[in-house]
């Protein structure tokens, strides 16, 4: 399975962290909601590997993200082997389908507006548990993707030991 998403660069900053000197914030262009933007903590090697530019003029450009699903081999006890992960492999953090209804009371007769959100959250392994501080590995990706119904159903049927390999490319 392969997902291709276009995300806009809304922020590109230099950080004082020695292991992750650049931070890129991406937003989904297909949605007006930006509750949970995607964050990439990058080093120079990762920027060069994906042919991205080290320039603050990246803001407003579009990054084409390609996600390829692959299964991890299982260890003897039946758990996925995380030792074979590369820097560009992402774990599935969550897969949600939410339905939001809002009343349209100003219409005659009153009605409802329904909105379905299907969201896939991916993140790099490591980075702590979210409660206790720990240094982030670099590169570190935390991506939030809006899915269509067909993509959601495909992701829902993936085996539990599935990870996504990600690739980035600037759109011309």
N, C-alpha and C. Protein backbone atom coordinates (compact mmCIF):
# COMPACT_ATOMS: atom_id res chain seq x y z
N UNK A 1 0.84 -1.17 0.00
CA UNK A 1 0.00 0.00 0.00
C UNK A 1 0.89 1.24 0.00
N UNK A 2 0.47 2.23 -0.76
CA UNK A 2 1.22 3.48 -0.82
C UNK A 2 0.27 4.65 -0.73
N UNK A 3 0.57 5.60 0.14
CA UNK A 3 -0.18 6.84 0.28
C UNK A 3 0.70 7.98 -0.21
N UNK A 4 0.11 8.90 -0.94
CA UNK A 4 0.82 10.11 -1.37
C UNK A 4 0.01 11.30 -0.91
N UNK A 5 0.63 12.16 -0.12
CA UNK A 5 -0.04 13.35 0.42
C UNK A 5 0.80 14.58 0.14
N UNK A 6 0.12 15.68 -0.15
CA UNK A 6 0.79 16.95 -0.33
C UNK A 6 0.56 17.79 0.91
N UNK A 7 1.64 18.21 1.53
CA UNK A 7 1.58 19.02 2.74
C UNK A 7 2.32 20.33 2.50
N UNK A 8 1.75 21.41 3.01
CA UNK A 8 2.37 22.72 2.86
C UNK A 8 3.29 23.03 4.02
N UNK A 9 4.39 23.68 3.73
CA UNK A 9 5.34 24.07 4.78
C UNK A 9 4.86 25.40 5.37
N UNK A 10 4.49 25.38 6.64
CA UNK A 10 4.00 26.59 7.29
C UNK A 10 5.05 27.23 8.19
N UNK A 11 6.09 26.46 8.53
CA UNK A 11 7.12 26.99 9.41
C UNK A 11 8.41 26.22 9.19
N UNK A 12 9.51 26.92 9.15
CA UNK A 12 10.83 26.29 9.05
C UNK A 12 11.76 27.10 9.93
N UNK A 13 12.26 26.49 10.99
CA UNK A 13 13.07 27.23 11.95
C UNK A 13 14.35 26.47 12.27
N UNK A 14 15.32 27.22 12.69
CA UNK A 14 16.54 26.63 13.22
C UNK A 14 16.39 26.52 14.72
N UNK A 15 16.87 25.42 15.29
CA UNK A 15 16.76 25.22 16.73
C UNK A 15 18.16 25.21 17.34
N UNK A 16 18.20 25.30 18.64
CA UNK A 16 19.48 25.29 19.34
C UNK A 16 19.90 23.88 19.71
N UNK A 17 19.07 22.91 19.41
CA UNK A 17 19.42 21.51 19.73
C UNK A 17 20.53 21.05 18.79
N UNK A 18 21.55 20.46 19.34
CA UNK A 18 22.68 20.06 18.51
C UNK A 18 22.37 18.83 17.67
N UNK A 19 21.45 17.98 18.13
CA UNK A 19 21.16 16.78 17.37
C UNK A 19 20.06 16.99 16.33
N UNK A 20 19.27 18.05 16.43
CA UNK A 20 18.18 18.32 15.48
C UNK A 20 18.13 19.82 15.20
N UNK A 21 19.02 20.31 14.33
CA UNK A 21 19.13 21.76 14.17
C UNK A 21 18.00 22.42 13.39
N UNK A 22 17.12 21.67 12.73
CA UNK A 22 16.05 22.27 11.95
C UNK A 22 14.71 21.64 12.30
N UNK A 23 13.69 22.49 12.31
CA UNK A 23 12.33 22.03 12.58
C UNK A 23 11.43 22.56 11.47
N UNK A 24 10.67 21.64 10.87
CA UNK A 24 9.75 21.99 9.80
C UNK A 24 8.34 21.61 10.24
N UNK A 25 7.40 22.54 10.11
CA UNK A 25 6.00 22.28 10.44
C UNK A 25 5.23 22.22 9.13
N UNK A 26 4.49 21.13 8.94
CA UNK A 26 3.71 20.91 7.72
C UNK A 26 2.23 20.92 8.06
N UNK A 27 1.42 21.45 7.15
CA UNK A 27 -0.02 21.44 7.35
C UNK A 27 -0.69 20.81 6.14
N UNK A 28 -1.80 20.14 6.41
CA UNK A 28 -2.55 19.46 5.37
C UNK A 28 -3.32 20.49 4.55
N UNK A 29 -3.10 20.51 3.27
CA UNK A 29 -3.74 21.49 2.40
C UNK A 29 -5.17 21.11 2.05
N UNK A 30 -5.55 19.86 2.29
CA UNK A 30 -6.90 19.41 1.93
C UNK A 30 -7.90 19.68 3.04
N UNK A 31 -7.47 20.21 4.16
CA UNK A 31 -8.35 20.43 5.29
C UNK A 31 -8.20 21.85 5.81
N UNK A 32 -9.29 22.42 6.24
CA UNK A 32 -9.23 23.75 6.84
C UNK A 32 -8.88 23.67 8.32
N UNK A 33 -8.91 22.49 8.90
CA UNK A 33 -8.58 22.30 10.31
C UNK A 33 -7.09 22.04 10.45
N UNK A 34 -6.46 22.77 11.33
CA UNK A 34 -5.04 22.57 11.58
C UNK A 34 -4.80 22.40 13.07
N UNK A 35 -5.59 21.50 13.65
CA UNK A 35 -5.49 21.25 15.09
C UNK A 35 -4.18 20.56 15.44
N UNK A 36 -3.73 19.68 14.57
CA UNK A 36 -2.58 18.85 14.87
C UNK A 36 -1.66 18.81 13.66
N UNK A 37 -0.83 19.83 13.51
CA UNK A 37 0.06 19.90 12.37
C UNK A 37 1.16 18.85 12.49
N UNK A 38 1.80 18.57 11.37
CA UNK A 38 2.89 17.61 11.33
C UNK A 38 4.21 18.31 11.60
N UNK A 39 5.10 17.63 12.31
CA UNK A 39 6.38 18.22 12.69
C UNK A 39 7.50 17.29 12.25
N UNK A 40 8.51 17.87 11.63
CA UNK A 40 9.72 17.14 11.25
C UNK A 40 10.90 17.80 11.94
N UNK A 41 11.64 17.06 12.75
CA UNK A 41 12.91 17.52 13.30
C UNK A 41 14.00 16.91 12.44
N UNK A 42 14.77 17.77 11.79
CA UNK A 42 15.70 17.31 10.77
C UNK A 42 17.13 17.72 11.09
N UNK A 43 18.06 16.94 10.58
CA UNK A 43 19.46 17.33 10.59
C UNK A 43 19.90 17.53 9.14
N UNK A 44 21.11 17.96 8.95
CA UNK A 44 21.60 18.28 7.60
C UNK A 44 21.61 17.04 6.72
N UNK A 45 22.00 15.89 7.25
CA UNK A 45 22.04 14.65 6.46
C UNK A 45 20.67 14.28 5.93
N UNK A 46 19.64 14.43 6.73
CA UNK A 46 18.28 14.09 6.31
C UNK A 46 17.79 15.06 5.24
N UNK A 47 18.09 16.32 5.39
CA UNK A 47 17.69 17.31 4.39
C UNK A 47 18.34 17.00 3.05
N UNK A 48 19.61 16.64 3.05
CA UNK A 48 20.31 16.29 1.81
C UNK A 48 19.77 14.99 1.23
N UNK A 49 19.50 13.98 2.09
CA UNK A 49 19.01 12.68 1.62
C UNK A 49 17.69 12.79 0.88
N UNK A 50 16.81 13.71 1.33
CA UNK A 50 15.50 13.87 0.69
C UNK A 50 15.47 15.01 -0.33
N UNK A 51 16.64 15.57 -0.65
CA UNK A 51 16.76 16.66 -1.63
C UNK A 51 15.91 17.86 -1.26
N UNK A 52 15.82 18.13 0.03
CA UNK A 52 15.16 19.34 0.49
C UNK A 52 16.21 20.45 0.54
N UNK A 53 15.77 21.66 0.68
CA UNK A 53 16.70 22.77 0.73
C UNK A 53 16.84 23.26 2.16
N UNK A 54 18.02 23.73 2.51
CA UNK A 54 18.21 24.35 3.81
C UNK A 54 18.05 25.85 3.62
N UNK A 55 16.81 26.27 3.53
CA UNK A 55 16.53 27.68 3.28
C UNK A 55 15.25 28.06 4.00
N UNK A 56 15.26 29.24 4.56
CA UNK A 56 14.05 29.71 5.22
C UNK A 56 13.02 30.19 4.21
N UNK A 57 13.35 30.15 2.92
CA UNK A 57 12.40 30.50 1.86
C UNK A 57 11.47 29.32 1.53
N UNK A 58 11.55 28.24 2.29
CA UNK A 58 10.70 27.07 2.06
C UNK A 58 9.25 27.31 2.45
N UNK A 59 8.99 28.31 3.29
CA UNK A 59 7.64 28.55 3.78
C UNK A 59 6.72 28.84 2.61
N UNK A 60 5.60 28.12 2.58
CA UNK A 60 4.64 28.25 1.49
C UNK A 60 4.82 27.23 0.38
N UNK A 61 5.94 26.54 0.35
CA UNK A 61 6.18 25.50 -0.65
C UNK A 61 5.42 24.24 -0.26
N UNK A 62 5.30 23.33 -1.20
CA UNK A 62 4.58 22.08 -0.98
C UNK A 62 5.56 20.91 -0.99
N UNK A 63 5.39 20.03 -0.01
CA UNK A 63 6.20 18.82 0.07
C UNK A 63 5.30 17.64 -0.27
N UNK A 64 5.73 16.83 -1.22
CA UNK A 64 5.02 15.60 -1.56
C UNK A 64 5.58 14.48 -0.69
N UNK A 65 4.74 13.93 0.16
CA UNK A 65 5.14 12.87 1.09
C UNK A 65 4.60 11.54 0.58
N UNK A 66 5.48 10.58 0.45
CA UNK A 66 5.10 9.24 0.00
C UNK A 66 5.28 8.27 1.16
N UNK A 67 4.21 7.56 1.49
CA UNK A 67 4.22 6.61 2.60
C UNK A 67 4.00 5.22 2.03
N UNK A 68 4.95 4.34 2.26
CA UNK A 68 4.87 2.97 1.76
C UNK A 68 4.78 2.02 2.95
N UNK A 69 3.72 1.22 2.99
CA UNK A 69 3.51 0.29 4.10
C UNK A 69 4.40 -0.94 3.92
N UNK A 70 4.97 -1.38 5.02
CA UNK A 70 5.75 -2.63 5.01
C UNK A 70 5.58 -3.31 6.35
N UNK A 71 5.67 -4.63 6.34
CA UNK A 71 5.51 -5.42 7.56
C UNK A 71 6.87 -5.68 8.18
N UNK A 72 6.93 -5.54 9.49
CA UNK A 72 8.15 -5.87 10.22
C UNK A 72 8.20 -7.37 10.47
N UNK A 73 9.38 -7.96 10.46
CA UNK A 73 9.47 -9.38 10.82
C UNK A 73 9.18 -9.56 12.31
N UNK A 74 8.62 -10.70 12.64
CA UNK A 74 8.29 -11.00 14.03
C UNK A 74 9.44 -11.72 14.71
N UNK A 75 9.62 -11.41 15.99
CA UNK A 75 10.61 -12.12 16.78
C UNK A 75 10.02 -13.44 17.26
N UNK A 76 10.80 -14.22 17.99
CA UNK A 76 10.36 -15.53 18.45
C UNK A 76 9.15 -15.45 19.37
N UNK A 77 9.06 -14.37 20.16
CA UNK A 77 7.92 -14.24 21.09
C UNK A 77 6.69 -13.62 20.43
N UNK A 78 6.75 -13.33 19.14
CA UNK A 78 5.58 -12.82 18.41
C UNK A 78 5.48 -11.31 18.35
N UNK A 79 6.44 -10.59 18.90
CA UNK A 79 6.41 -9.12 18.84
C UNK A 79 7.20 -8.65 17.61
N UNK A 80 6.83 -7.50 17.07
CA UNK A 80 7.57 -6.99 15.91
C UNK A 80 9.00 -6.63 16.28
N UNK A 81 9.92 -6.87 15.37
CA UNK A 81 11.33 -6.57 15.59
C UNK A 81 11.60 -5.12 15.18
N UNK A 82 11.78 -4.26 16.17
CA UNK A 82 12.02 -2.84 15.91
C UNK A 82 13.48 -2.55 15.57
N UNK A 83 14.33 -3.55 15.63
CA UNK A 83 15.75 -3.34 15.34
C UNK A 83 16.02 -3.14 13.86
N UNK A 84 15.10 -3.53 13.02
CA UNK A 84 15.30 -3.41 11.57
C UNK A 84 14.77 -2.09 11.02
N UNK A 85 14.33 -1.18 11.88
CA UNK A 85 13.78 0.09 11.43
C UNK A 85 14.88 1.02 10.94
N UNK A 86 14.56 1.79 9.90
CA UNK A 86 15.48 2.81 9.40
C UNK A 86 15.04 4.18 9.92
N UNK A 87 15.79 5.21 9.62
CA UNK A 87 15.45 6.56 10.05
C UNK A 87 14.13 7.04 9.48
N UNK A 88 13.73 6.51 8.33
CA UNK A 88 12.52 6.98 7.67
C UNK A 88 11.33 6.06 7.87
N UNK A 89 11.41 5.14 8.82
CA UNK A 89 10.28 4.27 9.14
C UNK A 89 9.46 4.90 10.26
N UNK A 90 8.13 4.87 10.09
CA UNK A 90 7.22 5.48 11.05
C UNK A 90 6.28 4.44 11.62
N UNK A 91 6.05 4.52 12.92
CA UNK A 91 5.10 3.64 13.59
C UNK A 91 3.71 4.27 13.55
N UNK A 92 2.68 3.44 13.52
CA UNK A 92 1.31 3.94 13.57
C UNK A 92 0.98 4.28 15.02
N UNK A 93 0.73 5.56 15.27
CA UNK A 93 0.37 6.00 16.61
C UNK A 93 -1.13 5.82 16.84
N UNK A 94 -1.93 6.21 15.84
CA UNK A 94 -3.38 6.02 15.96
C UNK A 94 -4.03 6.13 14.59
N UNK A 95 -5.20 5.54 14.49
CA UNK A 95 -6.04 5.61 13.30
C UNK A 95 -7.46 5.85 13.80
N UNK A 96 -8.00 7.03 13.53
CA UNK A 96 -9.30 7.41 14.08
C UNK A 96 -10.27 7.81 12.98
N UNK A 97 -11.53 7.56 13.27
CA UNK A 97 -12.62 8.02 12.41
C UNK A 97 -13.62 8.73 13.31
N UNK A 98 -13.80 10.02 13.08
CA UNK A 98 -14.68 10.83 13.91
C UNK A 98 -15.79 11.43 13.06
N UNK A 99 -16.99 11.44 13.62
CA UNK A 99 -18.11 12.10 12.96
C UNK A 99 -18.53 13.28 13.82
N UNK A 100 -18.60 14.43 13.20
CA UNK A 100 -18.95 15.65 13.91
C UNK A 100 -20.24 16.20 13.32
N UNK A 101 -21.25 16.42 14.18
CA UNK A 101 -22.52 17.01 13.75
C UNK A 101 -22.66 18.39 14.37
N UNK A 102 -23.03 19.33 13.55
CA UNK A 102 -23.30 20.67 14.09
C UNK A 102 -24.68 21.11 13.60
N UNK A 103 -25.47 21.66 14.49
CA UNK A 103 -26.81 22.10 14.09
C UNK A 103 -26.74 23.37 13.24
N UNK A 104 -27.59 23.44 12.28
CA UNK A 104 -27.73 24.63 11.44
C UNK A 104 -29.06 25.28 11.84
N UNK A 105 -29.05 26.04 12.93
CA UNK A 105 -30.30 26.57 13.47
C UNK A 105 -30.81 27.78 12.70
N UNK A 106 -29.97 28.37 11.88
CA UNK A 106 -30.41 29.55 11.13
C UNK A 106 -31.12 29.19 9.82
N UNK A 107 -31.13 27.92 9.50
CA UNK A 107 -31.81 27.48 8.29
C UNK A 107 -33.26 27.18 8.63
N UNK A 108 -34.10 27.31 7.67
CA UNK A 108 -35.51 26.97 7.86
C UNK A 108 -35.82 25.86 6.88
N UNK A 109 -36.21 24.72 7.33
CA UNK A 109 -36.24 24.22 8.70
C UNK A 109 -34.82 23.94 9.19
N UNK A 110 -34.62 23.92 10.51
CA UNK A 110 -33.28 23.63 11.06
C UNK A 110 -32.79 22.26 10.61
N UNK A 111 -31.51 22.15 10.41
CA UNK A 111 -30.93 20.88 9.95
C UNK A 111 -29.59 20.66 10.65
N UNK A 112 -28.88 19.62 10.19
CA UNK A 112 -27.58 19.28 10.75
C UNK A 112 -26.55 19.25 9.64
N UNK A 113 -25.35 19.59 9.99
CA UNK A 113 -24.22 19.46 9.08
C UNK A 113 -23.32 18.37 9.63
N UNK A 114 -23.07 17.32 8.84
CA UNK A 114 -22.23 16.21 9.27
C UNK A 114 -20.88 16.31 8.59
N UNK A 115 -19.85 16.03 9.37
CA UNK A 115 -18.49 16.04 8.84
C UNK A 115 -17.76 14.81 9.37
N UNK A 116 -17.14 14.07 8.47
CA UNK A 116 -16.37 12.88 8.84
C UNK A 116 -14.88 13.20 8.73
N UNK A 117 -14.14 12.87 9.77
CA UNK A 117 -12.69 13.02 9.76
C UNK A 117 -12.07 11.66 9.99
N UNK A 118 -11.19 11.27 9.08
CA UNK A 118 -10.43 10.03 9.23
C UNK A 118 -8.96 10.43 9.29
N UNK A 119 -8.34 10.16 10.41
CA UNK A 119 -6.99 10.67 10.68
C UNK A 119 -6.06 9.53 11.01
N UNK A 120 -4.91 9.52 10.34
CA UNK A 120 -3.83 8.58 10.62
C UNK A 120 -2.68 9.37 11.22
N UNK A 121 -2.23 8.98 12.41
CA UNK A 121 -1.09 9.63 13.05
C UNK A 121 0.08 8.67 13.05
N UNK A 122 1.20 9.16 12.54
CA UNK A 122 2.42 8.38 12.45
C UNK A 122 3.54 9.10 13.19
N UNK A 123 4.46 8.35 13.76
CA UNK A 123 5.61 8.99 14.41
C UNK A 123 6.82 8.08 14.35
N UNK A 124 7.96 8.71 14.45
CA UNK A 124 9.22 7.97 14.50
C UNK A 124 9.32 7.24 15.83
N UNK A 125 10.00 6.10 15.86
CA UNK A 125 10.20 5.44 17.15
C UNK A 125 11.11 6.28 18.04
N UNK A 126 10.93 6.15 19.32
CA UNK A 126 11.73 6.92 20.27
C UNK A 126 11.03 8.20 20.65
N UNK A 127 11.74 9.07 21.33
CA UNK A 127 11.16 10.35 21.70
C UNK A 127 10.45 10.32 23.04
N UNK A 128 10.59 9.27 23.79
CA UNK A 128 9.99 9.21 25.11
C UNK A 128 8.53 8.84 25.08
N UNK A 129 7.91 8.93 26.27
CA UNK A 129 6.52 8.51 26.41
C UNK A 129 5.55 9.68 26.38
N UNK A 130 6.02 10.91 26.15
CA UNK A 130 5.15 12.06 26.11
C UNK A 130 4.93 12.71 27.46
N UNK A 131 5.33 12.05 28.53
CA UNK A 131 5.16 12.59 29.87
C UNK A 131 6.52 13.01 30.45
N UNK A 132 7.48 12.12 30.34
CA UNK A 132 8.80 12.38 30.87
C UNK A 132 9.70 12.93 29.77
N UNK A 133 10.44 13.99 30.03
CA UNK A 133 11.30 14.56 28.99
C UNK A 133 12.44 13.62 28.63
N UNK A 134 12.70 13.56 27.35
CA UNK A 134 13.83 12.78 26.86
C UNK A 134 14.29 13.42 25.56
N UNK A 135 15.55 13.30 25.22
CA UNK A 135 16.00 13.91 23.96
C UNK A 135 15.38 13.19 22.77
N UNK A 136 14.97 13.98 21.79
CA UNK A 136 14.40 13.40 20.58
C UNK A 136 15.50 12.84 19.70
N UNK A 137 15.26 11.68 19.11
CA UNK A 137 16.23 11.20 18.12
C UNK A 137 16.14 12.09 16.88
N UNK A 138 17.13 12.06 16.07
CA UNK A 138 17.08 12.86 14.86
C UNK A 138 17.47 11.98 13.68
N UNK A 139 16.71 11.93 12.64
CA UNK A 139 15.49 12.70 12.44
C UNK A 139 14.32 12.13 13.25
N UNK A 140 13.38 13.01 13.57
CA UNK A 140 12.17 12.61 14.28
C UNK A 140 10.98 13.22 13.55
N UNK A 141 10.02 12.35 13.18
CA UNK A 141 8.84 12.80 12.44
C UNK A 141 7.60 12.50 13.27
N UNK A 142 6.68 13.44 13.31
CA UNK A 142 5.34 13.23 13.86
C UNK A 142 4.38 13.80 12.82
N UNK A 143 3.68 12.90 12.11
CA UNK A 143 2.84 13.30 10.98
C UNK A 143 1.38 12.96 11.24
N UNK A 144 0.51 13.90 10.90
CA UNK A 144 -0.94 13.71 10.99
C UNK A 144 -1.51 13.83 9.59
N UNK A 145 -2.17 12.77 9.14
CA UNK A 145 -2.68 12.72 7.77
C UNK A 145 -4.20 12.59 7.76
N UNK A 146 -4.86 13.40 6.95
CA UNK A 146 -6.29 13.23 6.72
C UNK A 146 -6.46 12.22 5.59
N UNK A 147 -7.32 11.24 5.81
CA UNK A 147 -7.52 10.17 4.85
C UNK A 147 -8.90 10.26 4.23
N UNK A 148 -9.02 9.69 3.04
CA UNK A 148 -10.34 9.49 2.45
C UNK A 148 -10.83 8.11 2.89
N UNK A 149 -12.08 7.81 2.63
CA UNK A 149 -12.69 6.56 3.11
C UNK A 149 -11.93 5.33 2.65
N UNK A 150 -11.53 5.30 1.39
CA UNK A 150 -10.82 4.14 0.85
C UNK A 150 -9.46 3.94 1.53
N UNK A 151 -8.73 5.02 1.77
CA UNK A 151 -7.44 4.94 2.45
C UNK A 151 -7.62 4.49 3.89
N UNK A 152 -8.66 4.99 4.54
CA UNK A 152 -8.94 4.61 5.92
C UNK A 152 -9.21 3.11 6.02
N UNK A 153 -10.05 2.58 5.15
CA UNK A 153 -10.38 1.15 5.18
C UNK A 153 -9.15 0.30 4.92
N UNK A 154 -8.29 0.74 4.00
CA UNK A 154 -7.07 -0.01 3.71
C UNK A 154 -6.15 -0.02 4.93
N UNK A 155 -5.99 1.15 5.57
CA UNK A 155 -5.13 1.23 6.77
C UNK A 155 -5.70 0.41 7.92
N UNK A 156 -7.02 0.37 8.03
CA UNK A 156 -7.66 -0.39 9.10
C UNK A 156 -7.41 -1.88 8.96
N UNK A 157 -7.22 -2.34 7.73
CA UNK A 157 -7.02 -3.77 7.48
C UNK A 157 -5.56 -4.18 7.42
N UNK A 158 -4.64 -3.26 7.71
CA UNK A 158 -3.22 -3.60 7.71
C UNK A 158 -2.90 -4.46 8.93
N UNK A 159 -1.92 -5.35 8.82
CA UNK A 159 -1.51 -6.15 9.97
C UNK A 159 -0.92 -5.26 11.08
N UNK A 160 -0.96 -5.71 12.32
CA UNK A 160 -0.49 -4.87 13.44
C UNK A 160 1.00 -4.55 13.40
N UNK A 161 1.80 -5.36 12.73
CA UNK A 161 3.24 -5.11 12.70
C UNK A 161 3.66 -4.24 11.51
N UNK A 162 2.71 -3.46 10.96
CA UNK A 162 2.99 -2.62 9.80
C UNK A 162 3.60 -1.29 10.22
N UNK A 163 4.61 -0.87 9.48
CA UNK A 163 5.19 0.47 9.61
C UNK A 163 5.14 1.12 8.23
N UNK A 164 5.30 2.42 8.19
CA UNK A 164 5.31 3.16 6.94
C UNK A 164 6.70 3.75 6.72
N UNK A 165 7.26 3.53 5.54
CA UNK A 165 8.50 4.21 5.15
C UNK A 165 8.08 5.49 4.45
N UNK A 166 8.72 6.59 4.81
CA UNK A 166 8.33 7.89 4.28
C UNK A 166 9.44 8.46 3.41
N UNK A 167 9.02 9.16 2.38
CA UNK A 167 9.94 9.88 1.51
C UNK A 167 9.39 11.28 1.28
N UNK A 168 10.25 12.26 1.18
CA UNK A 168 9.84 13.65 0.98
C UNK A 168 10.46 14.19 -0.29
N UNK A 169 9.70 15.05 -0.98
CA UNK A 169 10.20 15.68 -2.20
C UNK A 169 9.49 17.01 -2.35
N UNK A 170 10.24 18.06 -2.64
CA UNK A 170 9.62 19.36 -2.88
C UNK A 170 8.90 19.35 -4.21
N UNK A 171 7.70 19.88 -4.23
CA UNK A 171 6.92 19.96 -5.47
C UNK A 171 7.43 21.15 -6.27
N UNK A 172 7.59 20.95 -7.56
CA UNK A 172 8.08 22.04 -8.43
C UNK A 172 7.03 23.07 -8.69
